[in-house]
Amino acid sequence: MTRSDELREFLVTRRARITPQQAGLPTLGHRRVPGLRREEVATLTGVSSEYYTRLERGNANGVSDSVLESLARALQLDDAERAHLYNLVRAATPSAHATRRPSTSRVRPAVQRLLDRMSDVPAFIQGGNLDMLAANILARALYCDLYDGPAIDDRTGIPNHGRFIFLDPRSADMYPNWTKAAGDTVTQLRAEAGRRPDDRELNALIGELSSRSPQFAALWATHNVRWHTTGSKHFRHRVVGDLELDYEAMALAADPGHTLVTFTARADSPSEQALAFLASWAGVAASETDTAPTNPSQADRGPDHTSSHGH
């Protein structure tokens, strides 16, 4: 799909979800579809129907920020969708291509030390394409299934959350609400694709998941985009059982595309007890791995001390 096609599909799907009533417009006569017509979006945006039709067809040459702001209001876009619209317009405008610092899978030693010092909480560094670039012992224990299955990139050895969700059947056991986890995964990748349309590794991942997972392909076609910076996740861990953990995702300003993700449990909750059990199990498993490095079967029993970047 070309950049113009991405812009066109995003605008089509956004106007299709808004009814005239939601937009404050009268509903006169029979409507074939429940969403807004092109001319209605044009009216709400304050441009001609011809101008909006040209924009929806992917021709973003000369579009001003004021028009984009009006369009975002007309389509009732949230902050993530608004940013995505701007990214798509920039990508579809050859003269406006911005030079971006490329993302990297290398995690700085100081960042790895920070992860290792956070011994009481699962913490990891996530790349823009949802690679788990580095993790502390507790995060490796929480996500232990990512390290021994199809989530692993054969070329880099780095586990990827998207591959785990859509290519590893165990993800349905780990995430009791798999449908939400899958949707969240796709909306994150969609946002990143808007920010980095020329990223070859990201495009290869999207192509791989689209061809191998009908569920991914269907969700990708919705063009939904969201930011996931804080919230809660429900895990069903194969060793410690159910955990309800709150997460915080913080971008690392010095490392483009890298996000620090941490999980905590509420005080005096069953999840706090389960997390403590997980920490104990992780410590035992890591100790066994360190004392028997020549026995490959030990690696399957739990996480070790190594980081995941580049290995």
Protein backbone atom coordinates (compact mmCIF):
# COMPACT_ATOMS: atom_id res chain seq x y z
CA MET A 1 0.00 0.00 0.00
CA THR A 2 1.39 3.40 -1.01
CA ARG A 3 1.63 6.39 1.31
CA SER A 4 -1.26 8.04 -0.50
CA ASP A 5 -3.31 4.88 0.00
CA GLU A 6 -2.53 4.93 3.73
CA LEU A 7 -3.84 8.49 4.01
CA ARG A 8 -6.91 7.66 1.94
CA GLU A 9 -7.80 4.57 3.97
CA PHE A 10 -7.31 6.37 7.27
CA LEU A 11 -9.64 9.22 6.29
CA VAL A 12 -12.24 6.83 4.86
CA THR A 13 -12.31 4.70 8.02
CA ARG A 14 -12.45 7.76 10.29
CA ARG A 15 -15.44 9.36 8.57
CA ALA A 16 -17.21 6.00 8.35
CA ARG A 17 -17.39 5.73 12.14
CA ILE A 18 -19.07 9.11 12.75
CA THR A 19 -22.82 9.48 12.30
CA PRO A 20 -24.42 12.75 11.21
CA GLN A 21 -26.01 12.96 14.67
CA GLN A 22 -22.59 12.78 16.31
CA ALA A 23 -21.37 15.54 14.00
CA GLY A 24 -24.42 17.71 14.70
CA LEU A 25 -25.76 17.41 11.15
CA PRO A 26 -29.37 16.79 10.06
CA THR A 27 -30.18 13.38 8.63
CA LEU A 28 -32.33 13.89 5.55
CA GLY A 29 -33.31 11.13 3.17
CA HIS A 30 -32.03 7.57 2.87
CA ARG A 31 -28.36 6.93 3.60
CA ARG A 32 -26.55 3.92 2.21
CA VAL A 33 -23.89 4.03 4.91
CA PRO A 34 -24.07 5.22 8.52
CA GLY A 35 -20.95 7.40 8.39
CA LEU A 36 -20.38 10.88 7.02
CA ARG A 37 -20.32 11.64 3.31
CA ARG A 38 -17.34 13.38 1.77
CA GLU A 39 -19.26 16.60 1.25
CA GLU A 40 -20.32 16.59 4.90
CA VAL A 41 -16.74 16.26 6.06
CA ALA A 42 -15.81 19.09 3.68
CA THR A 43 -18.52 21.31 5.14
CA LEU A 44 -17.43 20.59 8.71
CA THR A 45 -13.80 21.23 7.77
CA GLY A 46 -14.56 24.47 5.93
CA VAL A 47 -13.20 23.43 2.54
CA SER A 48 -14.80 22.63 -0.79
CA SER A 49 -15.93 19.12 -1.62
CA GLU A 50 -13.38 19.03 -4.43
CA TYR A 51 -10.57 19.98 -2.05
CA TYR A 52 -11.49 17.32 0.50
CA THR A 53 -11.99 14.67 -2.21
CA ARG A 54 -8.49 15.40 -3.49
CA LEU A 55 -7.10 15.08 0.04
CA GLU A 56 -8.93 11.81 0.69
CA ARG A 57 -7.47 10.45 -2.51
CA GLY A 58 -4.04 10.96 -1.01
CA ASN A 59 -3.08 14.26 -2.63
CA ALA A 60 -1.82 16.25 0.36
CA ASN A 61 0.26 18.80 -1.55
CA GLY A 62 -0.18 22.28 -0.10
CA VAL A 63 -2.52 21.31 2.74
CA SER A 64 -2.11 23.72 5.66
CA ASP A 65 -1.95 22.99 9.35
CA SER A 66 -5.14 25.00 9.85
CA VAL A 67 -7.01 22.70 7.44
CA LEU A 68 -5.62 19.64 9.18
CA GLU A 69 -6.70 20.99 12.55
CA SER A 70 -10.21 21.62 11.22
CA LEU A 71 -10.27 18.15 9.69
CA ALA A 72 -9.15 16.58 12.97
CA ARG A 73 -12.01 18.32 14.76
CA ALA A 74 -14.52 17.35 12.07
CA LEU A 75 -13.50 13.69 12.31
CA GLN A 76 -13.34 13.89 16.12
CA LEU A 77 -9.80 12.52 16.24
CA ASP A 78 -8.10 11.95 19.57
CA ASP A 79 -4.49 13.01 20.18
CA ALA A 80 -3.00 9.79 18.80
CA GLU A 81 -5.16 9.90 15.66
CA ARG A 82 -4.42 13.58 15.14
CA ALA A 83 -0.67 12.93 15.31
CA HIS A 84 -1.12 9.99 12.93
CA LEU A 85 -2.96 12.22 10.45
CA TYR A 86 -0.06 14.68 10.45
CA ASN A 87 2.42 11.84 9.98
CA LEU A 88 0.48 10.44 7.04
CA VAL A 89 0.23 13.85 5.38
CA ARG A 90 3.97 14.39 5.77
CA ALA A 91 4.67 10.95 4.33
CA ALA A 92 2.36 11.61 1.36
CA THR A 93 4.01 14.98 0.62
CA PRO A 94 7.40 14.40 -1.08
CA SER A 95 8.64 17.95 -0.41
CA ALA A 96 7.89 17.66 3.31
CA HIS A 97 9.77 14.49 4.18
CA ALA A 98 11.51 14.97 7.50
CA THR A 99 14.86 13.45 8.33
CA ARG A 100 14.48 11.19 11.35
CA ARG A 101 17.20 9.67 13.45
CA PRO A 102 17.07 5.93 12.75
CA SER A 103 16.05 3.65 15.56
CA THR A 104 18.51 1.03 16.74
CA SER A 105 18.35 -2.28 18.57
CA ARG A 106 21.41 -1.39 20.65
CA VAL A 107 20.65 -0.56 24.28
CA ARG A 108 23.18 1.59 26.06
CA PRO A 109 25.02 -0.06 29.00
CA ALA A 110 23.77 2.65 31.37
CA VAL A 111 20.18 1.82 30.45
CA GLN A 112 20.80 -1.89 31.04
CA ARG A 113 22.27 -1.05 34.46
CA LEU A 114 19.14 0.95 35.23
CA LEU A 115 16.98 -2.06 34.35
CA ASP A 116 19.09 -4.34 36.52
CA ARG A 117 18.80 -1.98 39.52
CA MET A 118 15.00 -2.14 39.25
CA SER A 119 14.91 -5.53 40.88
CA ASP A 120 11.43 -5.27 42.43
CA VAL A 121 9.50 -4.48 39.24
CA PRO A 122 9.46 -6.03 35.76
CA ALA A 123 11.14 -3.50 33.46
CA PHE A 124 12.23 -3.68 29.85
CA ILE A 125 13.17 -1.55 26.86
CA GLN A 126 10.79 -1.82 23.93
CA GLY A 127 11.56 -0.75 20.38
CA GLY A 128 9.07 1.01 18.15
CA ASN A 129 8.25 -2.25 16.36
CA LEU A 130 7.56 -3.91 19.75
CA ASP A 131 10.90 -5.69 20.03
CA MET A 132 11.92 -6.46 23.61
CA LEU A 133 15.41 -5.02 23.26
CA ALA A 134 16.55 -5.49 26.86
CA ALA A 135 14.97 -6.62 30.11
CA ASN A 136 15.71 -7.19 33.75
CA ILE A 137 15.39 -10.61 35.36
CA LEU A 138 11.82 -10.06 36.53
CA ALA A 139 10.62 -8.91 33.09
CA ARG A 140 12.22 -11.96 31.49
CA ALA A 141 10.40 -14.11 34.03
CA LEU A 142 7.08 -12.39 33.32
CA TYR A 143 7.54 -12.80 29.55
CA CYS A 144 9.39 -16.12 29.67
CA ASP A 145 7.35 -17.59 26.79
CA LEU A 146 8.68 -14.91 24.43
CA TYR A 147 12.17 -16.37 24.64
CA ASP A 148 11.58 -19.88 23.33
CA GLY A 149 9.15 -19.74 20.43
CA PRO A 150 8.07 -17.94 17.25
CA ALA A 151 8.37 -14.54 18.93
CA ILE A 152 12.13 -14.73 18.39
CA ASP A 153 13.52 -13.09 15.25
CA ASP A 154 15.66 -15.75 13.56
CA ARG A 155 18.14 -13.15 12.33
CA THR A 156 18.64 -11.05 15.48
CA GLY A 157 17.52 -13.38 18.26
CA ILE A 158 15.35 -10.59 19.70
CA PRO A 159 11.81 -11.43 20.86
CA ASN A 160 8.93 -9.39 19.47
CA HIS A 161 5.56 -8.84 21.14
CA GLY A 162 3.70 -8.74 17.82
CA ARG A 163 5.03 -12.13 16.77
CA PHE A 164 4.18 -13.56 20.17
CA ILE A 165 0.60 -12.29 20.12
CA PHE A 166 -0.23 -13.41 16.59
CA LEU A 167 2.09 -16.37 15.91
CA ASP A 168 2.41 -18.14 19.28
CA PRO A 169 -0.72 -20.00 20.48
CA ARG A 170 0.49 -19.62 24.08
CA SER A 171 -0.35 -15.91 23.93
CA ALA A 172 -4.03 -16.80 24.34
CA ASP A 173 -3.14 -18.45 27.66
CA MET A 174 -0.93 -15.59 28.82
CA TYR A 175 -3.51 -12.91 27.95
CA PRO A 176 -7.01 -13.89 29.17
CA ASN A 177 -8.39 -10.95 27.17
CA TRP A 178 -6.49 -11.84 24.02
CA THR A 179 -8.75 -9.76 21.79
CA LYS A 180 -7.82 -6.57 23.64
CA ALA A 181 -4.13 -7.48 23.71
CA ALA A 182 -4.20 -8.11 19.96
CA GLY A 183 -5.99 -4.85 19.25
CA ASP A 184 -3.58 -2.89 21.43
CA THR A 185 -0.64 -4.46 19.63
CA VAL A 186 -1.92 -3.49 16.19
CA THR A 187 -2.77 0.09 17.19
CA GLN A 188 0.78 0.55 18.51
CA LEU A 189 2.30 -0.80 15.31
CA ARG A 190 -0.02 1.38 13.24
CA ALA A 191 1.09 4.49 15.15
CA GLU A 192 4.74 3.56 14.65
CA ALA A 193 4.19 2.92 10.93
CA GLY A 194 2.85 6.46 10.63
CA ARG A 195 5.91 7.86 12.39
CA ARG A 196 8.39 5.73 10.45
CA PRO A 197 6.93 4.84 7.03
CA ASP A 198 10.39 4.07 5.60
CA ASP A 199 11.52 1.70 8.36
CA ARG A 200 12.38 -1.50 6.48
CA GLU A 201 12.35 -3.78 9.53
CA LEU A 202 8.97 -2.47 10.65
CA ASN A 203 7.50 -2.86 7.17
CA ALA A 204 8.90 -6.39 6.97
CA LEU A 205 7.31 -7.26 10.32
CA ILE A 206 3.94 -5.88 9.23
CA GLY A 207 4.17 -7.83 5.98
CA GLU A 208 5.08 -11.02 7.83
CA LEU A 209 2.22 -10.73 10.32
CA SER A 210 -0.27 -9.78 7.60
CA SER A 211 0.60 -12.86 5.55
CA ARG A 212 0.78 -15.32 8.45
CA SER A 213 -2.09 -14.14 10.67
CA PRO A 214 -5.61 -13.47 9.35
CA GLN A 215 -6.43 -11.87 12.72
CA PHE A 216 -3.63 -9.38 12.31
CA ALA A 217 -4.63 -8.60 8.72
CA ALA A 218 -8.22 -7.92 9.76
CA LEU A 219 -7.19 -5.64 12.62
CA TRP A 220 -4.64 -3.83 10.46
CA ALA A 221 -7.36 -3.01 7.93
CA THR A 222 -9.27 -1.01 10.56
CA HIS A 223 -6.51 1.67 10.59
CA ASN A 224 -7.05 2.18 14.31
CA VAL A 225 -4.21 3.91 16.10
CA ARG A 226 -3.67 4.45 19.82
CA TRP A 227 -0.98 5.45 22.28
CA HIS A 228 -0.43 3.16 25.24
CA THR A 229 1.50 5.09 27.87
CA THR A 230 -0.26 3.98 31.04
CA GLY A 231 -2.87 1.44 32.07
CA SER A 232 -3.24 -2.08 33.39
CA LYS A 233 -2.68 -5.54 31.95
CA HIS A 234 -4.04 -8.90 33.02
CA PHE A 235 -1.57 -11.78 32.75
CA ARG A 236 -2.08 -15.50 33.37
CA HIS A 237 1.45 -16.68 34.00
CA ARG A 238 2.17 -20.39 33.63
CA VAL A 239 4.09 -20.46 36.94
CA VAL A 240 2.46 -17.91 39.28
CA GLY A 241 -1.05 -17.65 37.86
CA ASP A 242 -3.07 -14.44 37.49
CA LEU A 243 -1.49 -11.00 37.79
CA GLU A 244 -3.18 -7.62 37.37
CA LEU A 245 -0.35 -5.15 36.86
CA ASP A 246 -0.26 -1.41 36.21
CA TYR A 247 2.17 -0.28 33.54
CA GLU A 248 3.95 2.94 32.68
CA ALA A 249 5.64 3.47 29.31
CA MET A 250 8.21 6.28 29.12
CA ALA A 251 10.07 7.28 25.96
CA LEU A 252 13.84 7.60 26.33
CA ALA A 253 14.71 11.03 24.95
CA ALA A 254 18.32 10.09 24.20
CA ASP A 255 17.35 6.91 22.33
CA PRO A 256 14.81 7.47 19.51
CA GLY A 257 12.26 4.68 19.33
CA HIS A 258 13.16 3.22 22.74
CA THR A 259 10.57 3.09 25.51
CA LEU A 260 11.07 2.05 29.13
CA VAL A 261 8.13 -0.08 30.28
CA THR A 262 7.60 -0.96 33.94
CA PHE A 263 4.96 -2.98 35.79
CA THR A 264 3.84 -2.67 39.40
CA ALA A 265 1.21 -4.41 41.52
CA ARG A 266 -1.11 -2.66 43.93
CA ALA A 267 -0.11 -2.89 47.57
CA ASP A 268 -1.46 -5.84 49.56
CA SER A 269 -3.08 -7.36 46.49
CA PRO A 270 -2.95 -10.98 45.28
CA SER A 271 -0.97 -9.69 42.31
CA GLU A 272 1.68 -8.29 44.66
CA GLN A 273 2.04 -11.72 46.24
CA ALA A 274 2.20 -13.36 42.81
CA LEU A 275 4.84 -10.87 41.70
CA ALA A 276 6.92 -11.66 44.78
CA PHE A 277 6.60 -15.37 43.98
CA LEU A 278 7.65 -14.63 40.39
CA ALA A 279 10.74 -12.78 41.67
CA SER A 280 11.65 -15.75 43.84
CA TRP A 281 11.18 -18.17 40.94
CA ALA A 282 13.22 -15.92 38.64
CA GLY A 283 16.07 -15.76 41.14
CA VAL A 284 16.18 -19.53 41.54
CA ALA A 285 16.03 -20.10 37.79
CA ALA A 286 18.78 -17.55 37.16
CA SER A 287 20.95 -19.13 39.85
CA GLU A 288 20.52 -22.57 38.31
CA THR A 289 21.43 -21.22 34.89
CA ASP A 290 24.57 -19.56 36.22
CA THR A 291 25.74 -22.72 38.00
CA ALA A 292 25.11 -25.01 35.03
CA PRO A 293 25.86 -23.00 31.88
CA THR A 294 26.74 -26.06 29.80
CA ASN A 295 23.34 -27.69 30.19
CA PRO A 296 21.04 -26.16 27.54
CA SER A 297 17.92 -27.64 29.13
CA GLN A 298 18.34 -25.28 32.07
CA ALA A 299 17.64 -22.30 29.82
CA ASP A 300 14.09 -23.47 29.34
CA ARG A 301 13.36 -23.43 33.08
CA GLY A 302 13.34 -19.68 33.43
CA PRO A 303 15.09 -16.37 32.77
CA ASP A 304 18.80 -15.73 33.07
CA HIS A 305 20.94 -12.66 33.70
CA THR A 306 21.61 -11.78 30.07
CA SER A 307 19.92 -8.89 28.32
CA SER A 308 18.01 -9.55 25.13
CA HIS A 309 19.53 -6.94 22.86
CA GLY A 310 21.57 -8.30 19.98
CA HIS A 311 21.55 -11.91 21.29
